[in-house]
Amino acid sequence: MSRRCALLAWALLGLLRLGEARKTEAPACCSPIVPRDEWRALHSECAQRLSLPLRYVVVSHTAGSSCNTPASCQQQTQNVQSYHVKTLGWCDVGYNFLIGEDGLVYEGRGWNFTGAHAAHSWNTMSIGISFMGNYMDRVPPPRALRAAQGLLACGVAQGALKSNYVVKGHRDVQRTLSPGDQLYNLIRNWPHYPSH
């Protein structure tokens, strides 16, 4: 083996070891979640903790601008948080997690803190996941849908969600058009959405 190949092999082994070290942070089934410090979140003033594991997941949309690159989704996550904190006076962004069209999950209040994503009684017994964009006339891209499904599997693996959790559309728990007609029609076919 040439010296150049040997150096490349060592570099690859080093990267693999780094990846193995990071896997200890979350179960192997968990897709990466962009942590608050990476999207430069404002400091959270939220204190009310959730009682895990939870039975419900409420899916919404922001009804605003969509984003399809990590840079634009980071900016959009900051915009949503700024609106919730500075305009509405909330302790943080209202959602536990936000999903970008870039296929990444952005940490909002996370698994442990009560959100402000639905009617009050639902906030204390559910995780709020919001797709960034308006999905009245179109569906999110497949990579965003996969990110949401991966997040839910991760929630079960981490013990944050019950294995028999139930998915609800925002409009199922509050008078609203969220999560948009097209996304709502789609989530009604997800395995954990209750059949009528």
C-alpha atoms as a PDB file:
ATOM      1  CA  MET A   1       0.000   0.000   0.000  1.00  0.00           C
ATOM      2  CA  SER A   2       1.398   3.384  -0.915  1.00  0.00           C
ATOM      3  CA  ARG A   3       2.016   6.013   1.732  1.00  0.00           C
ATOM      4  CA  ARG A   4      -0.792   8.150   0.271  1.00  0.00           C
ATOM      5  CA  CYS A   5      -3.301   5.252   0.498  1.00  0.00           C
ATOM      6  CA  ALA A   6      -2.185   4.498   4.050  1.00  0.00           C
ATOM      7  CA  LEU A   7      -2.769   8.114   5.102  1.00  0.00           C
ATOM      8  CA  LEU A   8      -6.182   8.101   3.458  1.00  0.00           C
ATOM      9  CA  ALA A   9      -7.081   4.857   5.236  1.00  0.00           C
ATOM     10  CA  TRP A  10      -6.054   6.315   8.610  1.00  0.00           C
ATOM     11  CA  ALA A  11      -8.086   9.460   7.944  1.00  0.00           C
ATOM     12  CA  LEU A  12     -11.156   7.380   7.081  1.00  0.00           C
ATOM     13  CA  LEU A  13     -10.741   5.261  10.204  1.00  0.00           C
ATOM     14  CA  GLY A  14     -10.518   8.447  12.259  1.00  0.00           C
ATOM     15  CA  LEU A  15     -13.741   9.752  10.750  1.00  0.00           C
ATOM     16  CA  LEU A  16     -15.470   6.435  11.381  1.00  0.00           C
ATOM     17  CA  ARG A  17     -14.391   6.529  15.021  1.00  0.00           C
ATOM     18  CA  LEU A  18     -15.724  10.085  15.298  1.00  0.00           C
ATOM     19  CA  GLY A  19     -19.033   8.865  13.859  1.00  0.00           C
ATOM     20  CA  GLU A  20     -19.104   6.000  16.365  1.00  0.00           C
ATOM     21  CA  ALA A  21     -18.525   8.438  19.223  1.00  0.00           C
ATOM     22  CA  ARG A  22     -21.432  10.581  18.080  1.00  0.00           C
ATOM     23  CA  LYS A  23     -23.745   7.567  17.892  1.00  0.00           C
ATOM     24  CA  THR A  24     -23.598   7.321  21.674  1.00  0.00           C
ATOM     25  CA  GLU A  25     -25.517  10.591  21.917  1.00  0.00           C
ATOM     26  CA  ALA A  26     -28.743   9.041  20.595  1.00  0.00           C
ATOM     27  CA  PRO A  27     -29.982   5.611  19.566  1.00  0.00           C
ATOM     28  CA  ALA A  28     -28.694   4.388  16.204  1.00  0.00           C
ATOM     29  CA  CYS A  29     -32.136   4.749  14.602  1.00  0.00           C
ATOM     30  CA  CYS A  30     -32.205   8.483  15.287  1.00  0.00           C
ATOM     31  CA  SER A  31     -31.562  10.807  12.400  1.00  0.00           C
ATOM     32  CA  PRO A  32     -29.470  13.862  13.211  1.00  0.00           C
ATOM     33  CA  ILE A  33     -31.338  16.684  14.901  1.00  0.00           C
ATOM     34  CA  VAL A  34     -29.933  20.184  14.410  1.00  0.00           C
ATOM     35  CA  PRO A  35     -29.426  21.357  17.997  1.00  0.00           C
ATOM     36  CA  ARG A  36     -30.466  24.811  19.163  1.00  0.00           C
ATOM     37  CA  ASP A  37     -26.911  26.139  19.373  1.00  0.00           C
ATOM     38  CA  GLU A  38     -26.255  25.220  15.721  1.00  0.00           C
ATOM     39  CA  TRP A  39     -29.211  27.235  14.441  1.00  0.00           C
ATOM     40  CA  ARG A  40     -28.309  29.981  16.926  1.00  0.00           C
ATOM     41  CA  ALA A  41     -31.502  29.902  18.968  1.00  0.00           C
ATOM     42  CA  LEU A  42     -32.335  32.578  21.484  1.00  0.00           C
ATOM     43  CA  HIS A  43     -32.087  31.412  25.086  1.00  0.00           C
ATOM     44  CA  SER A  44     -35.237  29.591  26.187  1.00  0.00           C
ATOM     45  CA  GLU A  45     -37.144  30.869  29.202  1.00  0.00           C
ATOM     46  CA  CYS A  46     -39.408  27.791  29.277  1.00  0.00           C
ATOM     47  CA  ALA A  47     -39.589  25.817  32.511  1.00  0.00           C
ATOM     48  CA  GLN A  48     -42.660  23.534  32.271  1.00  0.00           C
ATOM     49  CA  ARG A  49     -41.458  19.989  31.679  1.00  0.00           C
ATOM     50  CA  LEU A  50     -43.388  17.239  29.935  1.00  0.00           C
ATOM     51  CA  SER A  51     -44.218  13.949  31.603  1.00  0.00           C
ATOM     52  CA  LEU A  52     -42.684  11.353  29.295  1.00  0.00           C
ATOM     53  CA  PRO A  53     -43.450   9.136  27.481  1.00  0.00           C
ATOM     54  CA  LEU A  54     -46.200  10.953  25.613  1.00  0.00           C
ATOM     55  CA  ARG A  55     -49.124   9.417  23.746  1.00  0.00           C
ATOM     56  CA  TYR A  56     -49.744  12.164  21.160  1.00  0.00           C
ATOM     57  CA  VAL A  57     -47.946  13.984  18.363  1.00  0.00           C
ATOM     58  CA  VAL A  58     -49.532  17.081  16.819  1.00  0.00           C
ATOM     59  CA  VAL A  59     -48.387  17.859  13.264  1.00  0.00           C
ATOM     60  CA  SER A  60     -48.704  21.426  11.983  1.00  0.00           C
ATOM     61  CA  HIS A  61     -47.216  23.739   9.383  1.00  0.00           C
ATOM     62  CA  THR A  62     -45.841  27.209   9.946  1.00  0.00           C
ATOM     63  CA  ALA A  63     -47.939  28.497   7.022  1.00  0.00           C
ATOM     64  CA  GLY A  64     -45.043  30.806   6.188  1.00  0.00           C
ATOM     65  CA  SER A  65     -42.010  30.607   3.978  1.00  0.00           C
ATOM     66  CA  SER A  66     -40.532  27.235   3.164  1.00  0.00           C
ATOM     67  CA  CYS A  67     -36.804  26.504   3.142  1.00  0.00           C
ATOM     68  CA  ASN A  68     -34.812  23.905   1.258  1.00  0.00           C
ATOM     69  CA  THR A  69     -31.178  24.387   2.263  1.00  0.00           C
ATOM     70  CA  PRO A  70     -29.603  24.189   5.724  1.00  0.00           C
ATOM     71  CA  ALA A  71     -28.779  27.916   5.598  1.00  0.00           C
ATOM     72  CA  SER A  72     -32.310  28.977   4.618  1.00  0.00           C
ATOM     73  CA  CYS A  73     -33.892  26.563   7.129  1.00  0.00           C
ATOM     74  CA  GLN A  74     -31.654  27.849   9.910  1.00  0.00           C
ATOM     75  CA  GLN A  75     -32.801  31.387   9.066  1.00  0.00           C
ATOM     76  CA  GLN A  76     -36.455  30.313   8.884  1.00  0.00           C
ATOM     77  CA  THR A  77     -36.199  28.571  12.278  1.00  0.00           C
ATOM     78  CA  GLN A  78     -34.758  31.787  13.726  1.00  0.00           C
ATOM     79  CA  ASN A  79     -37.596  33.776  12.123  1.00  0.00           C
ATOM     80  CA  VAL A  80     -40.262  31.520  13.642  1.00  0.00           C
ATOM     81  CA  GLN A  81     -38.619  31.692  17.067  1.00  0.00           C
ATOM     82  CA  SER A  82     -38.267  35.476  16.854  1.00  0.00           C
ATOM     83  CA  TYR A  83     -41.965  35.843  16.016  1.00  0.00           C
ATOM     84  CA  HIS A  84     -43.036  33.553  18.853  1.00  0.00           C
ATOM     85  CA  VAL A  85     -40.754  35.185  21.443  1.00  0.00           C
ATOM     86  CA  LYS A  86     -40.636  38.859  20.440  1.00  0.00           C
ATOM     87  CA  THR A  87     -44.122  39.318  18.969  1.00  0.00           C
ATOM     88  CA  LEU A  88     -46.242  36.783  20.867  1.00  0.00           C
ATOM     89  CA  GLY A  89     -44.254  36.987  24.110  1.00  0.00           C
ATOM     90  CA  TRP A  90     -43.780  33.222  24.478  1.00  0.00           C
ATOM     91  CA  CYS A  91     -40.884  31.688  26.412  1.00  0.00           C
ATOM     92  CA  ASP A  92     -39.454  30.111  23.223  1.00  0.00           C
ATOM     93  CA  VAL A  93     -40.413  28.849  19.767  1.00  0.00           C
ATOM     94  CA  GLY A  94     -43.759  27.102  20.195  1.00  0.00           C
ATOM     95  CA  TYR A  95     -42.854  23.784  18.575  1.00  0.00           C
ATOM     96  CA  ASN A  96     -40.859  20.938  20.025  1.00  0.00           C
ATOM     97  CA  PHE A  97     -39.326  20.299  16.594  1.00  0.00           C
ATOM     98  CA  LEU A  98     -39.415  21.924  13.154  1.00  0.00           C
ATOM     99  CA  ILE A  99     -38.952  20.072   9.857  1.00  0.00           C
ATOM    100  CA  GLY A 100     -37.247  21.764   6.919  1.00  0.00           C
ATOM    101  CA  GLU A 101     -37.579  20.929   3.251  1.00  0.00           C
ATOM    102  CA  ASP A 102     -33.819  20.348   3.437  1.00  0.00           C
ATOM    103  CA  GLY A 103     -34.673  17.041   5.150  1.00  0.00           C
ATOM    104  CA  LEU A 104     -33.368  18.091   8.560  1.00  0.00           C
ATOM    105  CA  VAL A 105     -35.057  18.268  11.951  1.00  0.00           C
ATOM    106  CA  TYR A 106     -34.478  21.446  13.952  1.00  0.00           C
ATOM    107  CA  GLU A 107     -34.722  21.260  17.732  1.00  0.00           C
ATOM    108  CA  GLY A 108     -37.279  23.648  19.183  1.00  0.00           C
ATOM    109  CA  ARG A 109     -38.285  23.001  22.782  1.00  0.00           C
ATOM    110  CA  GLY A 110     -37.120  19.409  22.354  1.00  0.00           C
ATOM    111  CA  TRP A 111     -38.479  16.263  23.978  1.00  0.00           C
ATOM    112  CA  ASN A 112     -38.590  17.585  27.533  1.00  0.00           C
ATOM    113  CA  PHE A 113     -40.422  20.922  27.551  1.00  0.00           C
ATOM    114  CA  THR A 114     -44.106  21.684  27.021  1.00  0.00           C
ATOM    115  CA  GLY A 115     -44.774  23.336  23.684  1.00  0.00           C
ATOM    116  CA  ALA A 116     -47.199  26.049  22.607  1.00  0.00           C
ATOM    117  CA  HIS A 117     -48.314  24.343  19.404  1.00  0.00           C
ATOM    118  CA  ALA A 118     -52.014  23.589  20.011  1.00  0.00           C
ATOM    119  CA  ALA A 119     -54.863  24.217  22.427  1.00  0.00           C
ATOM    120  CA  HIS A 120     -53.485  24.328  25.991  1.00  0.00           C
ATOM    121  CA  SER A 121     -54.693  20.878  27.078  1.00  0.00           C
ATOM    122  CA  TRP A 122     -52.970  19.312  24.055  1.00  0.00           C
ATOM    123  CA  ASN A 123     -49.655  21.085  24.684  1.00  0.00           C
ATOM    124  CA  THR A 124     -49.130  19.254  27.961  1.00  0.00           C
ATOM    125  CA  MET A 125     -49.752  15.787  26.500  1.00  0.00           C
ATOM    126  CA  SER A 126     -48.165  15.979  23.056  1.00  0.00           C
ATOM    127  CA  ILE A 127     -45.050  16.738  21.072  1.00  0.00           C
ATOM    128  CA  GLY A 128     -45.550  19.453  18.455  1.00  0.00           C
ATOM    129  CA  ILE A 129     -43.852  18.980  15.094  1.00  0.00           C
ATOM    130  CA  SER A 130     -44.183  21.750  12.530  1.00  0.00           C
ATOM    131  CA  PHE A 131     -43.213  21.565   8.870  1.00  0.00           C
ATOM    132  CA  MET A 132     -41.736  24.884   7.756  1.00  0.00           C
ATOM    133  CA  GLY A 133     -43.824  26.115   4.844  1.00  0.00           C
ATOM    134  CA  ASN A 134     -47.412  26.281   3.645  1.00  0.00           C
ATOM    135  CA  TYR A 135     -48.931  22.938   2.666  1.00  0.00           C
ATOM    136  CA  MET A 136     -52.427  23.930   1.601  1.00  0.00           C
ATOM    137  CA  ASP A 137     -51.701  23.222  -2.085  1.00  0.00           C
ATOM    138  CA  ARG A 138     -48.634  20.995  -2.041  1.00  0.00           C
ATOM    139  CA  VAL A 139     -46.971  18.326   0.085  1.00  0.00           C
ATOM    140  CA  PRO A 140     -43.522  18.574   1.650  1.00  0.00           C
ATOM    141  CA  PRO A 141     -40.756  16.804  -0.288  1.00  0.00           C
ATOM    142  CA  PRO A 142     -40.063  13.156   0.550  1.00  0.00           C
ATOM    143  CA  ARG A 143     -36.881  13.983   2.473  1.00  0.00           C
ATOM    144  CA  ALA A 144     -38.861  16.197   4.881  1.00  0.00           C
ATOM    145  CA  LEU A 145     -41.445  13.465   5.379  1.00  0.00           C
ATOM    146  CA  ARG A 146     -38.674  10.918   6.033  1.00  0.00           C
ATOM    147  CA  ALA A 147     -37.127  13.295   8.570  1.00  0.00           C
ATOM    148  CA  ALA A 148     -40.438  13.529  10.446  1.00  0.00           C
ATOM    149  CA  GLN A 149     -40.914   9.742  10.418  1.00  0.00           C
ATOM    150  CA  GLY A 150     -37.335   9.284  11.636  1.00  0.00           C
ATOM    151  CA  LEU A 151     -37.925  11.770  14.435  1.00  0.00           C
ATOM    152  CA  LEU A 152     -40.985   9.847  15.602  1.00  0.00           C
ATOM    153  CA  ALA A 153     -39.077   6.558  15.568  1.00  0.00           C
ATOM    154  CA  CYS A 154     -36.336   8.271  17.551  1.00  0.00           C
ATOM    155  CA  GLY A 155     -38.894   9.508  20.090  1.00  0.00           C
ATOM    156  CA  VAL A 156     -40.045   5.937  20.666  1.00  0.00           C
ATOM    157  CA  ALA A 157     -36.459   4.633  20.883  1.00  0.00           C
ATOM    158  CA  GLN A 158     -35.542   7.310  23.440  1.00  0.00           C
ATOM    159  CA  GLY A 159     -38.668   6.714  25.531  1.00  0.00           C
ATOM    160  CA  ALA A 160     -40.124  10.172  24.807  1.00  0.00           C
ATOM    161  CA  LEU A 161     -43.090   8.717  22.883  1.00  0.00           C
ATOM    162  CA  LYS A 162     -45.132   5.632  23.691  1.00  0.00           C
ATOM    163  CA  SER A 163     -44.773   2.885  21.099  1.00  0.00           C
ATOM    164  CA  ASN A 164     -48.508   3.184  20.388  1.00  0.00           C
ATOM    165  CA  TYR A 165     -48.405   6.976  20.021  1.00  0.00           C
ATOM    166  CA  VAL A 166     -51.170   8.681  18.023  1.00  0.00           C
ATOM    167  CA  VAL A 167     -50.578  11.301  15.328  1.00  0.00           C
ATOM    168  CA  LYS A 168     -53.051  14.188  15.123  1.00  0.00           C
ATOM    169  CA  GLY A 169     -53.223  16.994  12.628  1.00  0.00           C
ATOM    170  CA  HIS A 170     -53.262  20.464  14.170  1.00  0.00           C
ATOM    171  CA  ARG A 171     -56.828  20.884  12.874  1.00  0.00           C
ATOM    172  CA  ASP A 172     -57.875  17.755  14.783  1.00  0.00           C
ATOM    173  CA  VAL A 173     -57.182  19.464  18.116  1.00  0.00           C
ATOM    174  CA  GLN A 174     -57.826  23.147  17.393  1.00  0.00           C
ATOM    175  CA  ARG A 175     -59.823  25.276  14.975  1.00  0.00           C
ATOM    176  CA  THR A 176     -57.244  25.981  12.262  1.00  0.00           C
ATOM    177  CA  LEU A 177     -56.341  25.147   8.658  1.00  0.00           C
ATOM    178  CA  SER A 178     -52.989  23.764   9.816  1.00  0.00           C
ATOM    179  CA  PRO A 179     -51.211  21.575   8.766  1.00  0.00           C
ATOM    180  CA  GLY A 180     -52.605  22.538   5.356  1.00  0.00           C
ATOM    181  CA  ASP A 181     -54.938  20.427   3.216  1.00  0.00           C
ATOM    182  CA  GLN A 182     -52.250  18.487   1.353  1.00  0.00           C
ATOM    183  CA  LEU A 183     -50.094  17.643   4.386  1.00  0.00           C
ATOM    184  CA  TYR A 184     -53.206  16.762   6.391  1.00  0.00           C
ATOM    185  CA  ASN A 185     -54.372  14.335   3.701  1.00  0.00           C
ATOM    186  CA  LEU A 186     -50.926  12.765   3.724  1.00  0.00           C
ATOM    187  CA  ILE A 187     -50.554  12.284   7.505  1.00  0.00           C
ATOM    188  CA  ARG A 188     -53.997  10.679   7.648  1.00  0.00           C
ATOM    189  CA  ASN A 189     -52.338   7.720   5.910  1.00  0.00           C
ATOM    190  CA  TRP A 190     -49.480   7.442   8.421  1.00  0.00           C
ATOM    191  CA  PRO A 191     -49.556   4.245  10.504  1.00  0.00           C
ATOM    192  CA  HIS A 192     -50.119   6.041  13.825  1.00  0.00           C
ATOM    193  CA  TYR A 193     -52.953   8.240  12.584  1.00  0.00           C
ATOM    194  CA  PRO A 194     -56.237   6.874  13.978  1.00  0.00           C
ATOM    195  CA  SER A 195     -58.596   5.395  11.392  1.00  0.00           C
ATOM    196  CA  HIS A 196     -62.123   6.768  11.346  1.00  0.00           C
END
